[in-house]
């Protein structure tokens, strides 16, 4: 199961709303809120679905961008990669 940590950069006035929207996603959760940044954790079943969650977060109004901080794919089978 891929697990990733993302730093989500937001418009300062939108941080709380963005955090709420991230928590509404099935495979993502907010770990911490810092001023205009959010640390989000994703847990998915494949690299493709992991990237889909990242793209969903990028499309949330108020998100300026995101940075991948950490990811772990070690338990994927070769055919899933």
Protein backbone atom coordinates (compact mmCIF):
# COMPACT_ATOMS: atom_id res chain seq x y z
CA UNK A 1 0.00 0.00 0.00
CA UNK A 2 1.57 3.33 -1.02
CA UNK A 3 1.76 5.86 1.78
CA UNK A 4 2.74 9.44 1.00
CA UNK A 5 3.19 12.66 2.91
CA UNK A 6 2.46 15.91 1.11
CA UNK A 7 3.05 19.55 1.99
CA UNK A 8 0.09 21.44 0.57
CA UNK A 9 0.65 25.17 -0.01
CA UNK A 10 -2.55 27.21 0.25
CA UNK A 11 -3.78 30.75 -0.07
CA UNK A 12 -3.63 31.99 3.53
CA UNK A 13 -7.33 32.77 3.80
CA UNK A 14 -8.29 29.33 2.43
CA UNK A 15 -6.22 27.00 4.61
CA UNK A 16 -9.08 25.82 6.84
CA UNK A 17 -11.40 25.23 3.88
CA UNK A 18 -8.71 23.31 2.01
CA UNK A 19 -8.04 21.16 5.09
CA UNK A 20 -11.74 20.31 5.32
CA UNK A 21 -11.86 19.33 1.65
CA UNK A 22 -8.78 17.12 2.01
CA UNK A 23 -10.38 15.32 4.93
CA UNK A 24 -13.44 14.65 2.74
CA UNK A 25 -11.31 12.62 0.32
CA UNK A 26 -11.49 8.86 0.93
CA UNK A 27 -7.76 8.20 0.78
CA UNK A 28 -6.33 11.34 2.37
CA UNK A 29 -6.26 12.99 5.76
CA UNK A 30 -4.82 16.13 7.28
CA UNK A 31 -2.06 15.49 9.76
CA UNK A 32 -1.26 19.09 10.68
CA UNK A 33 -2.12 22.66 9.70
CA UNK A 34 0.61 25.31 9.68
CA UNK A 35 -0.30 28.91 8.76
CA UNK A 36 -0.77 28.58 4.98
CA UNK A 37 0.50 25.00 4.68
CA UNK A 38 -1.06 21.63 5.38
CA UNK A 39 0.65 18.32 5.95
CA UNK A 40 -1.50 15.62 4.37
CA UNK A 41 -1.11 11.84 4.41
CA UNK A 42 -2.38 9.61 1.60
CA UNK A 43 -2.86 5.84 1.78
CA UNK A 44 -3.85 4.12 -1.44
CA UNK A 45 -3.73 0.77 -3.19
CA UNK A 46 -1.48 1.64 -6.16
CA UNK A 47 0.85 4.28 -7.55
CA UNK A 48 -1.86 5.31 -10.00
CA UNK A 49 -4.46 5.85 -7.29
CA UNK A 50 -1.86 7.67 -5.17
CA UNK A 51 -1.22 10.12 -8.00
CA UNK A 52 -5.00 10.52 -8.52
CA UNK A 53 -5.37 11.63 -4.89
CA UNK A 54 -2.54 14.13 -5.29
CA UNK A 55 -4.22 15.55 -8.38
CA UNK A 56 -7.55 15.78 -6.52
CA UNK A 57 -5.84 17.82 -3.82
CA UNK A 58 -4.21 20.08 -6.41
CA UNK A 59 -7.67 20.87 -7.88
CA UNK A 60 -9.13 22.06 -4.55
CA UNK A 61 -9.82 25.82 -4.70
CA UNK A 62 -7.21 27.66 -2.63
CA UNK A 63 -4.41 25.15 -3.24
CA UNK A 64 -1.38 26.87 -4.73
CA UNK A 65 0.67 23.69 -5.10
CA UNK A 66 1.95 20.67 -3.28
CA UNK A 67 5.28 19.06 -2.57
CA UNK A 68 5.88 15.38 -2.09
CA UNK A 69 7.77 14.98 1.18
CA UNK A 70 7.80 11.21 1.61
CA UNK A 71 6.47 8.12 -0.11
CA UNK A 72 6.74 4.42 0.55
CA UNK A 73 5.88 1.86 -2.12
CA UNK A 74 7.86 -1.10 -0.80
CA UNK A 75 4.94 -3.49 -0.48
CA UNK A 76 3.75 -3.25 -4.10
CA UNK A 77 4.07 -6.27 -6.37
CA UNK A 78 6.11 -5.80 -9.51
CA UNK A 79 3.03 -5.96 -11.74
CA UNK A 80 1.48 -3.04 -9.82
CA UNK A 81 4.50 -0.84 -10.46
